[in-house]
Protein backbone atom coordinates (compact mmCIF):
# COMPACT_ATOMS: atom_id res chain seq x y z
CA MET A 1 46.81 16.24 37.45
CA THR A 2 45.41 14.51 34.36
CA THR A 3 44.78 10.77 34.22
CA THR A 4 43.68 9.06 31.03
CA ASN A 5 41.03 6.37 31.22
CA ASN A 6 43.09 4.40 28.76
CA HIS A 7 46.07 4.41 31.10
CA GLN A 8 46.02 0.66 31.65
CA SER A 9 45.99 -0.17 27.94
CA GLN A 10 48.76 2.40 27.34
CA GLN A 11 50.99 0.59 29.82
CA LYS A 12 51.20 -2.42 27.54
CA PRO A 13 54.44 -2.31 25.57
CA ARG A 14 54.22 -2.40 21.78
CA LEU A 15 54.92 -5.85 20.38
CA SER A 16 57.00 -6.78 17.38
CA PHE A 17 55.35 -8.54 14.48
CA TRP A 18 56.78 -11.89 15.55
CA GLN A 19 55.64 -11.47 19.14
CA ILE A 20 52.08 -10.93 17.92
CA TRP A 21 52.56 -13.88 15.56
CA ASN A 22 53.66 -16.17 18.43
CA VAL A 23 50.68 -15.12 20.57
CA SER A 24 48.29 -16.21 17.84
CA PHE A 25 50.20 -19.09 16.21
CA GLY A 26 48.37 -21.80 18.14
CA PHE A 27 45.17 -20.65 16.43
CA LEU A 28 46.57 -22.04 13.16
CA GLY A 29 46.53 -25.57 14.55
CA VAL A 30 43.24 -25.25 16.41
CA GLN A 31 41.58 -24.00 13.23
CA PHE A 32 43.34 -26.75 11.23
CA GLY A 33 41.48 -29.26 13.36
CA PHE A 34 38.28 -27.24 13.38
CA ALA A 35 38.34 -27.01 9.56
CA LEU A 36 38.78 -30.76 9.28
CA GLN A 37 35.72 -31.15 11.46
CA ASN A 38 33.67 -28.56 9.55
CA ALA A 39 34.42 -30.05 6.15
CA ASN A 40 34.11 -33.70 7.16
CA ALA A 41 31.81 -34.13 10.18
CA SER A 42 28.65 -34.28 8.05
CA ARG A 43 30.42 -36.69 5.71
CA ILE A 44 31.51 -38.93 8.60
CA LEU A 45 28.13 -38.86 10.35
CA SER A 46 26.33 -39.51 7.06
CA ASP A 47 28.61 -42.49 6.37
CA LEU A 48 27.91 -43.75 9.90
CA GLY A 49 24.13 -43.60 9.33
CA ALA A 50 22.80 -40.07 9.99
CA ASP A 51 19.99 -38.73 7.74
CA LEU A 52 19.74 -35.11 6.52
CA HIS A 53 17.20 -34.13 9.17
CA SER A 54 19.35 -35.36 12.04
CA LEU A 55 22.65 -33.94 10.75
CA SER A 56 21.96 -30.50 12.19
CA LEU A 57 20.93 -32.07 15.50
CA PHE A 58 24.26 -33.89 15.79
CA TRP A 59 26.04 -30.63 15.00
CA LEU A 60 24.29 -29.02 17.98
CA VAL A 61 27.01 -30.37 20.24
CA ALA A 62 29.39 -27.69 18.88
CA PRO A 63 27.48 -24.58 20.00
CA ILE A 64 26.23 -26.26 23.18
CA MET A 65 29.80 -27.03 24.20
CA GLY A 66 30.77 -23.45 23.41
CA LEU A 67 27.83 -22.13 25.40
CA ILE A 68 28.81 -24.13 28.47
CA ILE A 69 32.58 -24.07 28.35
CA GLN A 70 33.72 -20.69 27.05
CA PRO A 71 32.16 -18.50 29.79
CA LEU A 72 33.36 -20.90 32.49
CA VAL A 73 36.87 -21.02 31.07
CA GLY A 74 36.86 -17.24 30.62
CA SER A 75 35.95 -16.67 34.24
CA ALA A 76 38.39 -19.32 35.49
CA SER A 77 41.29 -17.97 33.43
CA ASP A 78 40.66 -14.47 34.82
CA ARG A 79 41.41 -15.98 38.25
CA THR A 80 44.35 -18.20 37.25
CA TRP A 81 48.06 -17.62 37.49
CA ASN A 82 50.77 -20.31 37.55
CA ARG A 83 54.13 -21.00 35.93
CA LEU A 84 52.49 -21.45 32.51
CA GLY A 85 50.59 -18.18 32.85
CA ARG A 86 46.93 -17.18 32.95
CA ARG A 87 45.48 -18.31 29.59
CA ASN A 88 48.17 -20.80 28.50
CA PRO A 89 47.15 -23.64 30.89
CA TYR A 90 43.68 -23.74 29.35
CA ILE A 91 45.00 -23.47 25.80
CA LEU A 92 47.31 -26.44 26.43
CA ALA A 93 44.58 -28.56 28.04
CA GLY A 94 42.21 -27.85 25.15
CA GLY A 95 44.83 -28.78 22.57
CA ILE A 96 45.59 -32.13 24.19
CA ALA A 97 41.93 -33.09 24.61
CA ALA A 98 41.03 -32.05 21.04
CA ALA A 99 43.87 -34.18 19.67
CA ILE A 100 42.47 -37.22 21.49
CA GLY A 101 39.01 -36.61 20.02
CA MET A 102 40.44 -36.22 16.52
CA LEU A 103 42.24 -39.53 16.80
CA LEU A 104 39.13 -41.38 17.94
CA MET A 105 36.21 -39.92 15.94
CA PRO A 106 37.05 -41.31 12.47
CA ASN A 107 37.61 -44.73 14.07
CA SER A 108 34.07 -44.86 15.51
CA ALA A 109 33.12 -47.92 13.45
CA THR A 110 36.10 -49.85 14.86
CA LEU A 111 36.07 -48.62 18.47
CA ALA A 112 32.34 -48.70 19.23
CA SER A 113 31.85 -52.16 20.72
CA PHE A 114 28.95 -51.50 23.10
CA ILE A 115 27.22 -48.53 21.43
CA THR A 116 26.40 -47.72 17.82
CA PRO A 117 29.21 -46.20 15.74
CA LEU A 118 26.98 -43.18 15.02
CA PHE A 119 26.51 -42.47 18.73
CA PHE A 120 30.23 -42.98 19.43
CA GLY A 121 31.07 -40.60 16.57
CA ALA A 122 28.70 -38.01 18.04
CA MET A 123 30.42 -38.40 21.44
CA MET A 124 33.83 -37.79 19.87
CA LEU A 125 32.43 -34.77 18.02
CA ALA A 126 31.29 -33.44 21.40
CA LEU A 127 34.76 -34.06 22.88
CA MET A 128 36.44 -32.23 20.01
CA ASP A 129 34.07 -29.30 20.23
CA ALA A 130 34.46 -29.04 24.00
CA SER A 131 38.23 -29.05 23.57
CA PHE A 132 38.28 -26.54 20.72
CA ASN A 133 36.19 -24.21 22.86
CA LEU A 134 38.48 -24.77 25.83
CA ALA A 135 41.33 -23.44 23.67
CA PHE A 136 39.46 -20.81 21.64
CA GLN A 137 38.29 -18.53 24.44
CA PRO A 138 41.66 -18.16 26.22
CA PHE A 139 43.27 -17.45 22.83
CA ARG A 140 40.88 -14.52 22.31
CA ALA A 141 41.59 -13.21 25.81
CA LEU A 142 45.34 -13.75 25.35
CA VAL A 143 45.43 -11.36 22.41
CA SER A 144 43.50 -8.78 24.44
CA ASP A 145 45.91 -9.26 27.37
CA MET A 146 49.10 -8.98 25.35
CA VAL A 147 48.37 -6.55 22.51
CA PRO A 148 48.12 -2.80 23.24
CA ALA A 149 45.04 -0.93 22.03
CA GLU A 150 46.84 0.79 19.15
CA GLN A 151 47.88 -2.61 17.73
CA ARG A 152 44.55 -4.32 18.30
CA ASN A 153 43.38 -4.20 14.68
CA VAL A 154 46.72 -5.65 13.60
CA GLY A 155 46.64 -8.30 16.33
CA TYR A 156 43.22 -9.61 15.43
CA SER A 157 44.04 -9.47 11.72
CA ILE A 158 47.16 -11.62 12.22
CA GLN A 159 45.03 -13.97 14.27
CA SER A 160 42.48 -14.10 11.46
CA PHE A 161 45.25 -14.74 8.91
CA LEU A 162 46.65 -17.68 10.89
CA ILE A 163 43.18 -19.08 11.51
CA ASN A 164 42.50 -19.11 7.79
CA ILE A 165 45.87 -20.56 6.77
CA GLY A 166 45.15 -23.42 9.18
CA ALA A 167 41.69 -23.77 7.72
CA VAL A 168 43.02 -23.94 4.15
CA PHE A 169 45.29 -26.89 4.85
CA GLY A 170 42.83 -28.58 7.20
CA SER A 171 40.05 -28.39 4.62
CA ILE A 172 42.11 -29.58 1.67
CA LEU A 173 43.93 -32.41 3.45
CA PRO A 174 41.53 -35.32 2.64
CA PHE A 175 41.60 -34.28 -1.04
CA LEU A 176 45.40 -34.28 -1.03
CA LEU A 177 45.57 -37.68 0.61
CA THR A 178 43.29 -39.09 -2.09
CA ASN A 179 44.59 -37.37 -5.20
CA VAL A 180 48.29 -37.06 -4.33
CA ILE A 181 49.00 -39.90 -1.91
CA GLY A 182 46.40 -42.29 -3.35
CA LEU A 183 44.29 -43.16 -0.31
CA GLU A 184 40.70 -44.30 -0.95
CA ASN A 185 38.02 -41.61 -0.52
CA THR A 186 34.92 -43.80 -0.71
CA ALA A 187 33.29 -45.50 2.25
CA SER A 188 31.01 -48.48 2.68
CA THR A 189 27.84 -48.01 4.72
CA GLY A 190 28.74 -47.65 8.40
CA GLU A 191 32.43 -46.94 7.77
CA VAL A 192 34.67 -43.88 7.22
CA ALA A 193 36.91 -43.35 4.18
CA PRO A 194 40.64 -44.03 4.82
CA SER A 195 41.60 -40.59 3.48
CA VAL A 196 39.44 -38.95 6.15
CA ILE A 197 40.85 -41.14 8.93
CA TRP A 198 44.45 -40.24 8.09
CA ALA A 199 43.57 -36.58 7.65
CA PHE A 200 42.36 -36.52 11.25
CA TYR A 201 45.57 -38.19 12.44
CA ILE A 202 47.69 -35.53 10.75
CA GLY A 203 45.38 -32.77 11.94
CA ALA A 204 45.74 -33.85 15.56
CA SER A 205 49.52 -33.65 15.27
CA VAL A 206 49.55 -30.21 13.62
CA MET A 207 47.10 -28.81 16.12
CA LEU A 208 48.97 -29.99 19.18
CA GLY A 209 52.31 -28.80 17.77
CA SER A 210 51.11 -25.25 17.09
CA VAL A 211 49.43 -24.97 20.49
CA LEU A 212 52.69 -26.00 22.15
CA TRP A 213 54.47 -23.29 20.13
CA THR A 214 52.25 -20.52 21.51
CA VAL A 215 52.31 -21.87 25.07
CA PHE A 216 56.07 -22.06 25.27
CA ARG A 217 56.96 -19.05 23.09
CA THR A 218 54.59 -16.56 24.76
CA LYS A 219 55.41 -15.29 28.23
CA GLU A 220 52.24 -13.79 29.64
CA TYR A 221 52.27 -10.58 31.65
CA ALA A 222 51.74 -11.14 35.36
CA PRO A 223 48.44 -9.86 36.79
CA GLY A 224 48.74 -6.24 37.90
CA THR A 225 51.47 -5.41 35.37
CA ASN A 226 51.48 -3.96 31.85
CA GLY A 227 47.90 -2.78 32.04
CA LEU A 228 46.40 -6.01 33.39
CA ALA A 229 44.13 -6.02 36.42
CA PRO A 230 45.43 -7.71 39.59
CA LEU A 231 44.50 -11.36 39.98
CA GLU A 232 41.09 -11.77 41.57
CA VAL A 233 41.06 -13.95 44.67
CA LYS A 234 38.49 -16.68 44.37
CA ASP A 235 35.84 -16.38 47.05
CA THR A 236 35.39 -19.94 48.34
CA GLU A 237 32.73 -18.90 50.84
CA ARG A 238 30.14 -18.02 48.21
CA SER A 239 27.68 -20.67 47.08
CA ILE A 240 27.39 -21.87 43.48
CA GLY A 241 24.05 -20.08 43.30
CA GLU A 242 25.66 -16.79 44.29
CA LYS A 243 28.40 -17.23 41.71
CA LEU A 244 25.86 -18.04 38.98
CA SER A 245 23.85 -15.01 40.05
CA GLU A 246 26.93 -12.82 39.66
CA PHE A 247 27.63 -14.36 36.25
CA PHE A 248 24.11 -13.74 34.92
CA GLY A 249 24.26 -10.28 36.48
CA LEU A 250 27.23 -9.56 34.22
CA MET A 251 25.13 -10.69 31.27
CA LYS A 252 22.44 -8.15 32.19
CA THR A 253 24.98 -5.34 32.50
CA MET A 254 26.99 -6.21 29.42
CA PRO A 255 28.15 -3.21 27.36
CA THR A 256 25.66 -1.79 24.87
CA THR A 257 28.07 -2.58 22.05
CA MET A 258 27.95 -6.28 22.93
CA LYS A 259 24.15 -6.29 22.83
CA GLN A 260 24.11 -4.61 19.43
CA LEU A 261 26.74 -6.96 18.04
CA ALA A 262 24.63 -9.90 19.25
CA ILE A 263 22.07 -9.17 16.52
CA VAL A 264 24.74 -9.18 13.83
CA GLN A 265 26.23 -12.33 15.28
CA PHE A 266 22.84 -14.05 15.26
CA PHE A 267 22.25 -13.66 11.54
CA SER A 268 25.86 -14.35 10.51
CA TRP A 269 26.40 -17.46 12.64
CA PHE A 270 22.95 -18.82 11.75
CA ALA A 271 24.14 -18.74 8.14
CA LEU A 272 27.58 -20.21 8.85
CA PHE A 273 26.13 -23.18 10.74
CA ILE A 274 23.90 -24.07 7.80
CA MET A 275 26.83 -23.85 5.39
CA TRP A 276 29.01 -26.17 7.48
CA VAL A 277 26.26 -28.75 7.95
CA TYR A 278 24.64 -28.82 4.52
CA THR A 279 27.18 -27.82 1.86
CA MET A 280 28.19 -31.44 1.26
CA PRO A 281 24.65 -32.74 0.55
CA ALA A 282 23.77 -29.48 -1.24
CA ILE A 283 26.52 -29.70 -3.86
CA SER A 284 26.16 -33.50 -4.11
CA GLN A 285 22.53 -33.01 -5.12
CA HIS A 286 22.78 -29.72 -7.03
CA ILE A 287 26.00 -30.30 -8.98
CA TRP A 288 26.74 -34.05 -8.89
CA SER A 289 23.02 -34.94 -9.34
CA VAL A 290 22.94 -37.36 -6.41
CA ASP A 291 19.28 -37.89 -5.51
CA ALA A 292 18.26 -37.00 -1.95
CA LYS A 293 17.24 -40.62 -1.31
CA TRP A 294 20.92 -41.59 -1.19
CA PHE A 295 21.21 -39.57 2.02
CA ASP A 296 18.35 -41.52 3.65
CA PRO A 297 19.69 -44.36 5.86
CA HIS A 298 16.37 -46.22 5.64
CA TYR A 299 16.55 -46.25 1.85
CA LEU A 300 20.21 -47.28 1.97
CA GLU A 301 19.30 -50.16 4.25
CA SER A 302 16.55 -51.28 1.87
CA VAL A 303 18.87 -51.44 -1.17
CA GLY A 304 21.67 -53.16 0.72
CA ALA A 305 24.69 -51.63 -1.03
CA ILE A 306 25.43 -48.20 -2.46
CA PRO A 307 25.98 -48.32 -6.26
CA GLU A 308 29.57 -47.59 -7.18
CA HIS A 309 28.77 -44.44 -9.18
CA ILE A 310 26.77 -42.98 -6.26
CA ALA A 311 29.54 -43.76 -3.75
CA LYS A 312 32.09 -42.20 -6.10
CA ALA A 313 29.96 -39.08 -6.62
CA LYS A 314 29.45 -38.61 -2.88
CA GLY A 315 33.14 -39.20 -2.19
CA THR A 316 34.22 -36.71 -4.88
CA ALA A 317 31.68 -34.15 -3.67
CA GLY A 318 32.90 -34.62 -0.11
CA ASP A 319 36.48 -33.99 -1.21
CA TRP A 320 35.37 -30.95 -3.19
CA VAL A 321 33.74 -29.47 -0.10
CA GLY A 322 37.22 -29.51 1.43
CA ILE A 323 38.57 -27.73 -1.67
CA ILE A 324 35.97 -24.94 -1.63
CA PHE A 325 36.17 -24.58 2.15
CA ALA A 326 39.93 -24.23 1.73
CA ALA A 327 39.26 -21.65 -0.99
CA TYR A 328 37.06 -19.46 1.21
CA SER A 329 39.62 -19.77 4.00
CA LEU A 330 42.40 -18.75 1.59
CA PHE A 331 40.38 -15.77 0.37
CA ALA A 332 39.71 -14.91 4.02
CA ALA A 333 43.43 -15.09 4.81
CA ILE A 334 44.16 -12.71 1.94
CA ALA A 335 41.34 -10.38 2.99
CA SER A 336 42.61 -10.36 6.57
CA LEU A 337 45.95 -8.94 5.38
CA PHE A 338 44.19 -5.80 4.16
CA MET A 339 41.25 -5.62 6.55
CA ALA A 340 43.03 -3.70 9.31
CA LYS A 341 44.19 -1.00 6.87
CA ILE A 342 40.74 -0.79 5.29
CA ALA A 343 39.09 -0.57 8.72
CA ASN A 344 41.49 2.19 9.76
CA LYS A 345 40.60 4.13 6.61
CA ILE A 346 36.80 3.68 6.24
CA GLY A 347 35.88 2.50 9.74
CA ARG A 348 35.33 -0.88 11.30
CA LYS A 349 31.55 -0.80 10.94
CA LEU A 350 31.51 -0.14 7.20
CA THR A 351 34.24 -2.72 6.63
CA TYR A 352 32.26 -5.27 8.63
CA SER A 353 28.97 -4.55 6.87
CA LEU A 354 30.34 -4.65 3.32
CA SER A 355 32.17 -7.89 4.08
CA LEU A 356 29.00 -9.59 5.34
CA LEU A 357 27.11 -8.34 2.29
CA ALA A 358 29.74 -9.97 0.06
CA GLY A 359 29.19 -13.22 1.97
CA GLY A 360 25.43 -13.10 1.52
CA ILE A 361 25.77 -12.56 -2.23
CA GLY A 362 28.23 -15.47 -2.31
CA TYR A 363 25.72 -17.81 -0.67
CA LEU A 364 22.90 -16.82 -3.02
CA SER A 365 25.04 -17.22 -6.14
CA ILE A 366 25.65 -20.93 -5.42
CA MET A 367 22.22 -21.61 -6.91
CA LEU A 368 23.59 -20.53 -10.32
CA MET A 369 26.48 -23.02 -10.27
CA GLN A 370 24.89 -26.14 -11.77
CA ASN A 371 26.64 -26.86 -15.10
CA PRO A 372 27.10 -30.69 -15.21
CA GLU A 373 29.65 -30.67 -18.05
CA LEU A 374 32.81 -32.45 -16.91
CA VAL A 375 36.06 -30.49 -17.12
CA LEU A 376 39.64 -31.34 -16.23
CA VAL A 377 40.93 -29.08 -13.46
CA ASN A 378 44.64 -28.55 -12.88
CA LEU A 379 45.22 -27.82 -9.18
CA ALA A 380 49.03 -27.70 -9.58
CA ILE A 381 49.51 -30.67 -7.25
CA THR A 382 47.13 -32.91 -9.22
CA GLN A 383 44.44 -32.96 -11.90
CA ILE A 384 40.84 -33.95 -11.32
CA GLU A 385 37.72 -34.20 -13.51
CA VAL A 386 34.70 -32.50 -11.97
CA PRO A 387 31.51 -30.77 -13.23
CA GLN A 388 31.94 -27.19 -14.45
CA GLY A 389 29.46 -26.12 -11.77
CA ALA A 390 31.87 -27.35 -9.09
CA VAL A 391 34.68 -25.23 -10.54
CA SER A 392 32.38 -22.20 -10.61
CA LEU A 393 31.94 -22.50 -6.83
CA PHE A 394 35.27 -20.72 -6.38
CA LEU A 395 33.54 -17.44 -7.25
CA PRO A 396 30.98 -17.55 -4.38
CA MET A 397 33.82 -18.54 -2.06
CA VAL A 398 35.47 -15.13 -2.60
CA GLY A 399 32.51 -13.36 -0.98
CA ILE A 400 32.15 -15.97 1.74
CA GLY A 401 35.87 -15.73 2.51
CA ILE A 402 35.70 -11.95 2.88
CA ALA A 403 32.74 -12.33 5.24
CA TRP A 404 34.56 -15.00 7.26
CA ALA A 405 37.65 -12.81 7.67
CA ALA A 406 35.46 -10.00 8.99
CA ILE A 407 33.51 -12.28 11.33
CA LEU A 408 36.75 -13.52 12.87
CA ALA A 409 38.22 -10.06 13.46
CA MET A 410 35.80 -7.13 13.34
CA PRO A 411 33.37 -8.01 16.19
CA TYR A 412 36.27 -8.53 18.60
CA ALA A 413 38.08 -5.37 17.50
CA ILE A 414 34.85 -3.38 17.92
CA LEU A 415 34.00 -5.02 21.25
CA ALA A 416 37.39 -4.99 22.96
CA GLY A 417 37.37 -1.25 23.67
CA SER A 418 34.11 -1.47 25.64
CA LEU A 419 35.16 -4.26 28.05
CA PRO A 420 36.36 -3.77 31.65
CA VAL A 421 40.01 -4.80 31.79
CA LYS A 422 39.65 -7.04 34.84
CA GLN A 423 36.75 -8.97 33.30
CA THR A 424 37.93 -9.32 29.70
CA GLY A 425 38.06 -13.11 29.87
CA VAL A 426 34.58 -13.63 31.28
CA TYR A 427 33.02 -11.08 28.93
CA MET A 428 34.72 -12.68 25.93
CA GLY A 429 33.22 -15.95 27.17
CA ILE A 430 29.79 -14.38 27.53
CA PHE A 431 30.15 -12.98 24.02
CA ASN A 432 30.37 -16.56 22.80
CA PHE A 433 26.66 -16.82 23.65
CA THR A 434 26.11 -14.69 20.56
CA ILE A 435 27.90 -17.36 18.53
CA ALA A 436 26.39 -20.43 20.18
CA ALA A 437 22.75 -19.33 20.42
CA PRO A 438 22.15 -18.80 16.67
CA GLN A 439 23.83 -22.12 15.91
CA ILE A 440 21.61 -23.91 18.42
CA ILE A 441 18.50 -22.32 16.90
CA SER A 442 19.75 -23.23 13.42
CA GLY A 443 20.48 -26.79 14.51
CA LEU A 444 17.03 -27.23 16.04
CA PHE A 445 15.08 -25.88 13.08
CA ALA A 446 17.23 -26.17 9.93
CA GLY A 447 16.77 -29.93 9.62
CA TRP A 448 13.01 -29.63 10.02
CA ILE A 449 12.86 -26.80 7.47
CA LEU A 450 14.96 -28.81 5.02
CA THR A 451 12.65 -31.82 5.31
CA ALA A 452 9.22 -30.21 5.70
CA VAL A 453 9.61 -27.12 3.52
CA PHE A 454 12.38 -27.90 1.03
CA GLU A 455 11.74 -31.67 0.67
CA ASN A 456 15.38 -32.52 1.45
CA GLN A 457 16.69 -30.34 -1.42
CA ALA A 458 19.67 -28.95 0.47
CA ILE A 459 20.46 -26.14 -2.00
CA TYR A 460 17.43 -24.20 -0.75
CA ILE A 461 18.60 -24.19 2.85
CA ILE A 462 21.87 -22.67 1.57
CA MET A 463 19.81 -19.92 -0.11
CA MET A 464 18.06 -19.26 3.19
CA ALA A 465 21.47 -18.88 4.81
CA GLY A 466 22.37 -16.26 2.19
CA GLY A 467 19.36 -14.19 3.17
CA SER A 468 20.40 -14.42 6.81
CA MET A 469 23.91 -13.16 6.01
CA ILE A 470 22.49 -10.12 4.21
CA LEU A 471 20.38 -9.34 7.29
CA ALA A 472 23.60 -9.49 9.32
CA ALA A 473 25.17 -6.91 7.02
CA LEU A 474 22.22 -4.56 7.47
CA SER A 475 22.30 -5.01 11.26
CA VAL A 476 25.83 -3.60 11.54
CA TYR A 477 24.35 -0.15 10.95
CA PHE A 478 22.87 -0.19 14.47
CA VAL A 479 26.15 -1.11 16.23
CA LYS A 480 28.07 1.52 18.18
CA ASP A 481 31.82 1.03 18.13
CA GLY A 482 33.14 -0.03 21.56
CA VAL A 483 35.75 2.72 21.70
CA GLU A 484 33.07 5.32 20.88
CA GLU A 485 30.80 3.96 23.60
CA LYS A 486 33.57 3.99 26.21
CA SER A 487 34.50 7.52 25.24
CA ALA A 488 30.89 8.67 25.42
CA ASN A 489 30.32 7.08 28.81
CA CYS A 490 33.57 8.00 30.50
CA GLY A 491 35.26 10.74 28.55
CA ASP A 492 38.82 10.48 27.37
CA GLU A 493 40.23 12.25 30.40
CA VAL A 494 39.49 12.74 34.05
CA THR A 495 40.95 15.82 35.72
CA ALA A 496 41.71 15.81 39.41
């Protein structure tokens, strides 16, 4: 008798396009909210009084929340089954909590009666990040649970596409509210621009709606059916210490592929964190010629009020960050449509490496985009006058978008084949360490490097991120594809 080691994955029925779409649709809304945060958190915290050095420290709450929550949620969801399913209860809880954080954060100046608005804003950032992570990890595991191995590249590519469509609209929303609706995009010291506040209101609604779509349109397979491991019974007699010991034991015995991917993840996520934190001050200084002193709260306090032309330049630059972040997300969405086919043809590793290389070149080329000549840009929905250098930023965003599409799909497609079926959730959570750790290191040191080495000239920290992304591309060479590793360790067939 011959038994294939892939028997469990083969038991999963093939899904239609729309079934895969429904499984991943909630990611559109979660990323909508996440994109709003990425494009505007530095802007909000800066308006509330954070200096350039401390910006990266405030952003640390994102990876720390991921580091704590995703493994715990992964392990818990592996042991959960109720009328909503295994992963869906956590996805729903994360969506609701994130919506609450999005409603409160931009109102920090109004709601903070007993603590400083800056500290209240940081607390709401922490709540949002904890909630996003509560939803993110079960979404990853849900795709692995529902999608058969032969459709895995397609499944993660659709997920990547939806993530990036959400990111496009989330990133561009404050710009639209200013230039189409007419809301004010400038902010007085200690306050948040009205366009940003309303963008977060809309984002909360979109996010919660899409999460509800996935939860109620996706019927999860019961444990023990369709290739899924039986539900593990929680051992209430073991101490917390024993459970933690088991958890860290899994970290020690993680598949070789996961360890190799961790190096790639380190360099790529180190670079991404810097981009999210410092693009706004970088292009404000490099393209809009806003001096670094206007990002120093002590200097702002000494002058009393921000000159109108400085406030306008910072507001326009902040909106433009949303535009270029939307651009790289759009390019990523387009790239994700072709990435599965390309990976099937030339291999996942080469696809991954070339994509990261394109991202690194994109980062480095931002230094060249400095032409201050004002031009009128027609964005179809509105026209806006910005420096030529700002328009030129669309070119680097092509490379960054390709890299982002690969980062969202390729590591998980490579990794999934090397994971034990019954522990997919917890291992996907552990894999988040490779996302959180480089961001924490970046958050701890990037601000100091920017101040002590680059004298608060944020463009240079972006260049450093470009070098890191190129190192990520080179590191892919040393990764062994998860399917290859599983085949090498176990063989494709066992004969009894």
